[in-house]
Amino acid sequence: IKFTNLRILHLARTLFLWFRLKIPHSRMASNSGQGGIQQLLAAEHEAQAIVNAAKNEKYARLKQAKEEAEREIAEQRTLLENQFQQKLSASSGDSGANVKRLEQETDTKIHELKTEAARISGDVVSMLLKYVTTVKN
């Protein structure tokens, strides 16, 4: 039987009131006070045992819930770590491809500049010689 806190309190109060009503004060007094007090103590003890059992069950459930939550957190952390590592390896692979592409583009640009310089170098040299050898008054 699962007990909630309110149900346990209600049960304990009910037991207490039941024993109190079942044994009137005059009867308790006539029994030298011992029998009625013993019954009340027994009822209180029983109610306390029920409350303690419910508390123990509550703490056990809380412990179980905490363990389940920790396990789920660990699984989620592992999943996210794996996803991160996959993205990291994928992006570092792209980085290598990007470096290779940039090197090819740079080589192509250098080749184009050398070709253009070789094509116009004769004109540049003749223009420089013309300016050096021409005297202006």
N, C-alpha and C. Protein backbone atom coordinates (compact mmCIF):
# COMPACT_ATOMS: atom_id res chain seq x y z
N ILE A 1 0.86 -1.17 0.00
CA ILE A 1 0.00 0.00 0.00
C ILE A 1 0.90 1.23 0.00
N LYS A 2 0.65 2.15 -0.92
CA LYS A 2 1.42 3.39 -0.97
C LYS A 2 0.66 4.46 -0.22
N PHE A 3 1.37 5.16 0.62
CA PHE A 3 0.77 6.22 1.41
C PHE A 3 1.35 7.56 1.01
N THR A 4 0.51 8.55 0.89
CA THR A 4 0.98 9.91 0.72
C THR A 4 1.07 10.53 2.09
N ASN A 5 1.75 11.66 2.18
CA ASN A 5 1.92 12.31 3.49
C ASN A 5 0.57 12.67 4.10
N LEU A 6 -0.34 13.21 3.31
CA LEU A 6 -1.65 13.58 3.85
C LEU A 6 -2.43 12.36 4.29
N ARG A 7 -2.33 11.29 3.54
CA ARG A 7 -3.04 10.07 3.89
C ARG A 7 -2.50 9.48 5.19
N ILE A 8 -1.19 9.56 5.36
CA ILE A 8 -0.58 9.05 6.59
C ILE A 8 -1.05 9.87 7.79
N LEU A 9 -1.02 11.19 7.65
CA LEU A 9 -1.47 12.03 8.74
C LEU A 9 -2.94 11.76 9.06
N HIS A 10 -3.74 11.62 8.02
CA HIS A 10 -5.16 11.33 8.23
C HIS A 10 -5.34 10.00 8.95
N LEU A 11 -4.57 9.00 8.52
CA LEU A 11 -4.65 7.68 9.15
C LEU A 11 -4.22 7.75 10.61
N ALA A 12 -3.15 8.46 10.88
CA ALA A 12 -2.68 8.58 12.26
C ALA A 12 -3.71 9.29 13.13
N ARG A 13 -4.29 10.36 12.62
CA ARG A 13 -5.33 11.07 13.39
C ARG A 13 -6.54 10.19 13.61
N THR A 14 -6.92 9.45 12.56
CA THR A 14 -8.08 8.57 12.68
C THR A 14 -7.84 7.51 13.74
N LEU A 15 -6.66 6.90 13.73
CA LEU A 15 -6.35 5.88 14.74
C LEU A 15 -6.38 6.48 16.13
N PHE A 16 -5.78 7.64 16.25
CA PHE A 16 -5.76 8.29 17.57
C PHE A 16 -7.18 8.59 18.06
N LEU A 17 -7.99 9.19 17.18
CA LEU A 17 -9.37 9.53 17.57
C LEU A 17 -10.20 8.27 17.82
N TRP A 18 -9.99 7.24 17.03
CA TRP A 18 -10.73 6.01 17.19
C TRP A 18 -10.47 5.40 18.57
N PHE A 19 -9.19 5.32 18.93
CA PHE A 19 -8.87 4.77 20.24
C PHE A 19 -9.35 5.69 21.37
N ARG A 20 -9.30 6.97 21.11
CA ARG A 20 -9.75 7.91 22.14
C ARG A 20 -11.26 7.79 22.35
N LEU A 21 -12.00 7.67 21.23
CA LEU A 21 -13.45 7.55 21.34
C LEU A 21 -13.88 6.18 21.84
N LYS A 22 -13.11 5.16 21.48
CA LYS A 22 -13.46 3.81 21.85
C LYS A 22 -13.31 3.59 23.36
N ILE A 23 -12.36 4.31 23.95
CA ILE A 23 -12.12 4.14 25.38
C ILE A 23 -12.47 5.47 26.06
N PRO A 24 -13.67 5.58 26.61
CA PRO A 24 -14.06 6.82 27.27
C PRO A 24 -13.18 7.11 28.47
N HIS A 25 -13.15 8.40 28.85
CA HIS A 25 -12.32 8.81 29.98
C HIS A 25 -12.71 8.10 31.27
N SER A 26 -14.01 7.92 31.50
CA SER A 26 -14.45 7.27 32.74
C SER A 26 -13.97 5.83 32.78
N ARG A 27 -13.98 5.15 31.60
CA ARG A 27 -13.53 3.76 31.56
C ARG A 27 -12.02 3.68 31.77
N MET A 28 -11.31 4.66 31.18
CA MET A 28 -9.86 4.67 31.38
C MET A 28 -9.54 4.86 32.85
N ALA A 29 -10.30 5.71 33.49
CA ALA A 29 -10.07 5.95 34.92
C ALA A 29 -10.41 4.71 35.73
N SER A 30 -11.46 4.01 35.32
CA SER A 30 -11.86 2.82 36.07
C SER A 30 -10.89 1.68 35.88
N ASN A 31 -10.16 1.66 34.79
CA ASN A 31 -9.18 0.61 34.55
C ASN A 31 -7.83 0.97 35.17
N SER A 32 -7.87 1.75 36.19
CA SER A 32 -6.67 2.20 36.90
C SER A 32 -5.79 3.04 35.99
N GLY A 33 -6.33 3.49 34.89
CA GLY A 33 -5.56 4.34 34.00
C GLY A 33 -4.53 3.59 33.19
N GLN A 34 -4.23 2.36 33.54
CA GLN A 34 -3.16 1.63 32.88
C GLN A 34 -3.59 1.01 31.55
N GLY A 35 -4.76 0.37 31.54
CA GLY A 35 -5.20 -0.32 30.32
C GLY A 35 -5.46 0.66 29.19
N GLY A 36 -6.16 1.73 29.49
CA GLY A 36 -6.45 2.73 28.45
C GLY A 36 -5.21 3.42 27.96
N ILE A 37 -4.32 3.74 28.88
CA ILE A 37 -3.07 4.39 28.48
C ILE A 37 -2.24 3.45 27.63
N GLN A 38 -2.24 2.17 28.00
CA GLN A 38 -1.49 1.19 27.21
C GLN A 38 -2.05 1.08 25.80
N GLN A 39 -3.37 1.10 25.69
CA GLN A 39 -3.98 1.03 24.36
C GLN A 39 -3.65 2.28 23.55
N LEU A 40 -3.70 3.43 24.19
CA LEU A 40 -3.34 4.66 23.48
C LEU A 40 -1.88 4.65 23.06
N LEU A 41 -1.01 4.18 23.93
CA LEU A 41 0.41 4.09 23.59
C LEU A 41 0.63 3.12 22.43
N ALA A 42 -0.10 2.00 22.47
CA ALA A 42 0.02 1.03 21.39
C ALA A 42 -0.46 1.63 20.07
N ALA A 43 -1.57 2.36 20.13
CA ALA A 43 -2.08 3.00 18.92
C ALA A 43 -1.11 4.06 18.40
N GLU A 44 -0.55 4.82 19.35
CA GLU A 44 0.43 5.83 18.94
C GLU A 44 1.66 5.17 18.32
N HIS A 45 2.09 4.07 18.93
CA HIS A 45 3.24 3.33 18.41
C HIS A 45 2.95 2.80 17.00
N GLU A 46 1.76 2.26 16.81
CA GLU A 46 1.38 1.75 15.50
C GLU A 46 1.32 2.86 14.46
N ALA A 47 0.73 3.99 14.86
CA ALA A 47 0.67 5.14 13.94
C ALA A 47 2.07 5.63 13.60
N GLN A 48 2.95 5.66 14.59
CA GLN A 48 4.33 6.09 14.34
C GLN A 48 5.04 5.12 13.41
N ALA A 49 4.77 3.83 13.55
CA ALA A 49 5.37 2.83 12.67
C ALA A 49 4.90 3.04 11.23
N ILE A 50 3.61 3.35 11.07
CA ILE A 50 3.08 3.61 9.72
C ILE A 50 3.73 4.85 9.13
N VAL A 51 3.86 5.91 9.92
CA VAL A 51 4.50 7.14 9.45
C VAL A 51 5.96 6.88 9.09
N ASN A 52 6.67 6.14 9.93
CA ASN A 52 8.07 5.83 9.64
C ASN A 52 8.21 5.00 8.36
N ALA A 53 7.32 4.03 8.18
CA ALA A 53 7.36 3.22 6.96
C ALA A 53 7.13 4.09 5.73
N ALA A 54 6.20 5.02 5.83
CA ALA A 54 5.93 5.91 4.70
C ALA A 54 7.12 6.82 4.43
N LYS A 55 7.76 7.32 5.49
CA LYS A 55 8.95 8.16 5.31
C LYS A 55 10.07 7.37 4.64
N ASN A 56 10.27 6.14 5.11
CA ASN A 56 11.31 5.30 4.51
C ASN A 56 11.02 5.05 3.04
N GLU A 57 9.76 4.79 2.72
CA GLU A 57 9.37 4.57 1.33
C GLU A 57 9.61 5.83 0.51
N LYS A 58 9.28 6.97 1.09
CA LYS A 58 9.49 8.25 0.40
C LYS A 58 10.98 8.47 0.12
N TYR A 59 11.82 8.25 1.13
CA TYR A 59 13.26 8.44 0.94
C TYR A 59 13.83 7.45 -0.07
N ALA A 60 13.34 6.23 -0.05
CA ALA A 60 13.80 5.24 -1.03
C ALA A 60 13.42 5.67 -2.44
N ARG A 61 12.20 6.19 -2.60
CA ARG A 61 11.76 6.65 -3.92
C ARG A 61 12.57 7.87 -4.38
N LEU A 62 12.85 8.78 -3.44
CA LEU A 62 13.67 9.94 -3.78
C LEU A 62 15.07 9.52 -4.22
N LYS A 63 15.63 8.54 -3.50
CA LYS A 63 16.95 8.04 -3.86
C LYS A 63 16.92 7.39 -5.24
N GLN A 64 15.88 6.61 -5.51
CA GLN A 64 15.73 5.97 -6.81
C GLN A 64 15.58 7.02 -7.91
N ALA A 65 14.79 8.06 -7.65
CA ALA A 65 14.60 9.12 -8.64
C ALA A 65 15.91 9.86 -8.91
N LYS A 66 16.68 10.08 -7.85
CA LYS A 66 17.97 10.75 -8.01
C LYS A 66 18.92 9.90 -8.85
N GLU A 67 18.96 8.61 -8.59
CA GLU A 67 19.82 7.71 -9.36
C GLU A 67 19.39 7.67 -10.83
N GLU A 68 18.08 7.62 -11.07
CA GLU A 68 17.57 7.63 -12.44
C GLU A 68 17.95 8.92 -13.14
N ALA A 69 17.82 10.05 -12.45
CA ALA A 69 18.16 11.34 -13.04
C ALA A 69 19.65 11.42 -13.35
N GLU A 70 20.48 10.93 -12.43
CA GLU A 70 21.93 10.94 -12.68
C GLU A 70 22.29 10.06 -13.87
N ARG A 71 21.62 8.92 -14.00
CA ARG A 71 21.87 8.02 -15.13
C ARG A 71 21.47 8.70 -16.44
N GLU A 72 20.30 9.35 -16.44
CA GLU A 72 19.84 10.05 -17.64
C GLU A 72 20.78 11.20 -17.99
N ILE A 73 21.27 11.90 -16.99
CA ILE A 73 22.22 13.00 -17.24
C ILE A 73 23.50 12.46 -17.86
N ALA A 74 23.99 11.35 -17.33
CA ALA A 74 25.21 10.75 -17.87
C ALA A 74 25.00 10.30 -19.32
N GLU A 75 23.85 9.71 -19.61
CA GLU A 75 23.56 9.28 -20.99
C GLU A 75 23.49 10.49 -21.92
N GLN A 76 22.81 11.55 -21.47
CA GLN A 76 22.69 12.75 -22.29
C GLN A 76 24.06 13.40 -22.51
N ARG A 77 24.88 13.43 -21.46
CA ARG A 77 26.22 14.00 -21.58
C ARG A 77 27.05 13.20 -22.59
N THR A 78 26.95 11.88 -22.53
CA THR A 78 27.68 11.03 -23.47
C THR A 78 27.22 11.29 -24.90
N LEU A 79 25.89 11.38 -25.08
CA LEU A 79 25.34 11.64 -26.41
C LEU A 79 25.83 12.97 -26.95
N LEU A 80 25.76 14.02 -26.13
CA LEU A 80 26.20 15.34 -26.58
C LEU A 80 27.71 15.37 -26.84
N GLU A 81 28.47 14.67 -26.03
CA GLU A 81 29.92 14.61 -26.24
C GLU A 81 30.23 13.92 -27.57
N ASN A 82 29.52 12.83 -27.87
CA ASN A 82 29.72 12.14 -29.15
C ASN A 82 29.36 13.04 -30.32
N GLN A 83 28.24 13.75 -30.21
CA GLN A 83 27.85 14.67 -31.28
C GLN A 83 28.90 15.76 -31.46
N PHE A 84 29.41 16.28 -30.36
CA PHE A 84 30.43 17.32 -30.43
C PHE A 84 31.69 16.79 -31.11
N GLN A 85 32.11 15.58 -30.74
CA GLN A 85 33.31 15.00 -31.34
C GLN A 85 33.12 14.77 -32.85
N GLN A 86 31.91 14.34 -33.25
CA GLN A 86 31.63 14.14 -34.67
C GLN A 86 31.71 15.46 -35.42
N LYS A 87 31.09 16.51 -34.85
CA LYS A 87 31.15 17.81 -35.50
C LYS A 87 32.57 18.35 -35.56
N LEU A 88 33.31 18.12 -34.50
CA LEU A 88 34.69 18.58 -34.45
C LEU A 88 35.53 17.88 -35.51
N SER A 89 35.37 16.57 -35.63
CA SER A 89 36.15 15.83 -36.63
C SER A 89 35.71 16.22 -38.04
N ALA A 90 34.40 16.47 -38.22
CA ALA A 90 33.92 16.88 -39.54
C ALA A 90 34.45 18.26 -39.90
N SER A 91 34.46 19.18 -38.95
CA SER A 91 34.93 20.53 -39.25
C SER A 91 36.44 20.56 -39.42
N SER A 92 37.18 19.73 -38.69
CA SER A 92 38.63 19.71 -38.87
C SER A 92 38.97 19.09 -40.22
N GLY A 93 38.17 18.16 -40.69
CA GLY A 93 38.36 17.60 -42.03
C GLY A 93 38.10 18.67 -43.08
N ASP A 94 37.09 19.49 -42.86
CA ASP A 94 36.81 20.60 -43.77
C ASP A 94 37.95 21.61 -43.73
N SER A 95 38.54 21.79 -42.58
CA SER A 95 39.64 22.73 -42.44
C SER A 95 40.80 22.30 -43.32
N GLY A 96 41.10 21.01 -43.32
CA GLY A 96 42.17 20.50 -44.19
C GLY A 96 41.83 20.71 -45.66
N ALA A 97 40.57 20.49 -46.01
CA ALA A 97 40.14 20.71 -47.39
C ALA A 97 40.22 22.19 -47.74
N ASN A 98 39.86 23.06 -46.79
CA ASN A 98 39.93 24.50 -47.02
C ASN A 98 41.37 24.95 -47.22
N VAL A 99 42.28 24.43 -46.45
CA VAL A 99 43.70 24.78 -46.60
C VAL A 99 44.19 24.36 -47.97
N LYS A 100 43.84 23.18 -48.39
CA LYS A 100 44.26 22.68 -49.70
C LYS A 100 43.68 23.54 -50.82
N ARG A 101 42.41 23.90 -50.68
CA ARG A 101 41.76 24.76 -51.69
C ARG A 101 42.43 26.13 -51.76
N LEU A 102 42.73 26.70 -50.58
CA LEU A 102 43.39 28.01 -50.54
C LEU A 102 44.79 27.96 -51.15
N GLU A 103 45.51 26.88 -50.90
CA GLU A 103 46.84 26.72 -51.50
C GLU A 103 46.75 26.65 -53.02
N GLN A 104 45.76 25.92 -53.53
CA GLN A 104 45.57 25.84 -54.98
C GLN A 104 45.23 27.19 -55.57
N GLU A 105 44.34 27.93 -54.91
CA GLU A 105 43.97 29.27 -55.40
C GLU A 105 45.17 30.20 -55.39
N THR A 106 46.00 30.12 -54.35
CA THR A 106 47.19 30.96 -54.25
C THR A 106 48.18 30.62 -55.36
N ASP A 107 48.41 29.34 -55.58
CA ASP A 107 49.32 28.92 -56.66
C ASP A 107 48.82 29.40 -58.02
N THR A 108 47.51 29.29 -58.24
CA THR A 108 46.93 29.75 -59.51
C THR A 108 47.14 31.25 -59.68
N LYS A 109 46.89 32.02 -58.61
CA LYS A 109 47.05 33.48 -58.67
C LYS A 109 48.51 33.86 -58.92
N ILE A 110 49.45 33.17 -58.26
CA ILE A 110 50.87 33.44 -58.48
C ILE A 110 51.25 33.14 -59.92
N HIS A 111 50.76 32.04 -60.45
CA HIS A 111 51.05 31.68 -61.84
C HIS A 111 50.51 32.76 -62.81
N GLU A 112 49.27 33.25 -62.53
CA GLU A 112 48.68 34.29 -63.38
C GLU A 112 49.50 35.57 -63.31
N LEU A 113 49.97 35.95 -62.11
CA LEU A 113 50.78 37.17 -61.97
C LEU A 113 52.12 37.04 -62.69
N LYS A 114 52.75 35.86 -62.56
CA LYS A 114 54.03 35.64 -63.27
C LYS A 114 53.83 35.70 -64.78
N THR A 115 52.76 35.11 -65.25
CA THR A 115 52.48 35.12 -66.69
C THR A 115 52.25 36.55 -67.18
N GLU A 116 51.48 37.32 -66.44
CA GLU A 116 51.20 38.72 -66.80
C GLU A 116 52.48 39.55 -66.74
N ALA A 117 53.31 39.33 -65.72
CA ALA A 117 54.56 40.07 -65.60
C ALA A 117 55.49 39.74 -66.77
N ALA A 118 55.55 38.48 -67.14
CA ALA A 118 56.40 38.09 -68.28
C ALA A 118 55.89 38.71 -69.57
N ARG A 119 54.58 38.81 -69.72
CA ARG A 119 53.98 39.36 -70.94
C ARG A 119 54.28 40.86 -71.08
N ILE A 120 54.23 41.59 -69.96
CA ILE A 120 54.39 43.05 -70.09
C ILE A 120 55.78 43.53 -69.68
N SER A 121 56.68 42.63 -69.30
CA SER A 121 58.00 43.07 -68.84
C SER A 121 58.80 43.78 -69.93
N GLY A 122 58.68 43.34 -71.14
CA GLY A 122 59.38 44.01 -72.26
C GLY A 122 58.91 45.44 -72.41
N ASP A 123 57.61 45.65 -72.35
CA ASP A 123 57.06 47.01 -72.48
C ASP A 123 57.50 47.89 -71.31
N VAL A 124 57.51 47.33 -70.12
CA VAL A 124 57.91 48.09 -68.94
C VAL A 124 59.37 48.50 -69.05
N VAL A 125 60.23 47.58 -69.47
CA VAL A 125 61.66 47.87 -69.60
C VAL A 125 61.88 48.96 -70.65
N SER A 126 61.23 48.85 -71.77
CA SER A 126 61.41 49.87 -72.82
C SER A 126 60.89 51.23 -72.36
N MET A 127 59.78 51.26 -71.61
CA MET A 127 59.24 52.51 -71.10
C MET A 127 60.22 53.13 -70.10
N LEU A 128 60.78 52.31 -69.21
CA LEU A 128 61.76 52.82 -68.25
C LEU A 128 63.00 53.37 -68.97
N LEU A 129 63.50 52.67 -69.96
CA LEU A 129 64.67 53.14 -70.71
C LEU A 129 64.37 54.45 -71.43
N LYS A 130 63.18 54.58 -71.95
CA LYS A 130 62.78 55.80 -72.64
C LYS A 130 62.79 56.98 -71.68
N TYR A 131 62.26 56.79 -70.48
CA TYR A 131 62.23 57.89 -69.51
C TYR A 131 63.62 58.23 -68.99
N VAL A 132 64.48 57.21 -68.87
CA VAL A 132 65.84 57.44 -68.38
C VAL A 132 66.71 58.13 -69.43
N THR A 133 66.53 57.75 -70.65
CA THR A 133 67.38 58.29 -71.71
C THR A 133 66.88 59.58 -72.32
N THR A 134 65.67 59.93 -72.09
CA THR A 134 65.11 61.17 -72.64
C THR A 134 65.45 62.30 -71.69
N VAL A 135 66.00 63.38 -72.24
CA VAL A 135 66.36 64.54 -71.45
C VAL A 135 65.35 65.62 -71.72
N LYS A 136 64.86 66.21 -70.68
CA LYS A 136 63.89 67.27 -70.82
C LYS A 136 64.57 68.59 -70.47
N ASN A 137 64.23 69.62 -71.18
CA ASN A 137 64.79 70.95 -70.92
C ASN A 137 63.86 71.77 -70.13
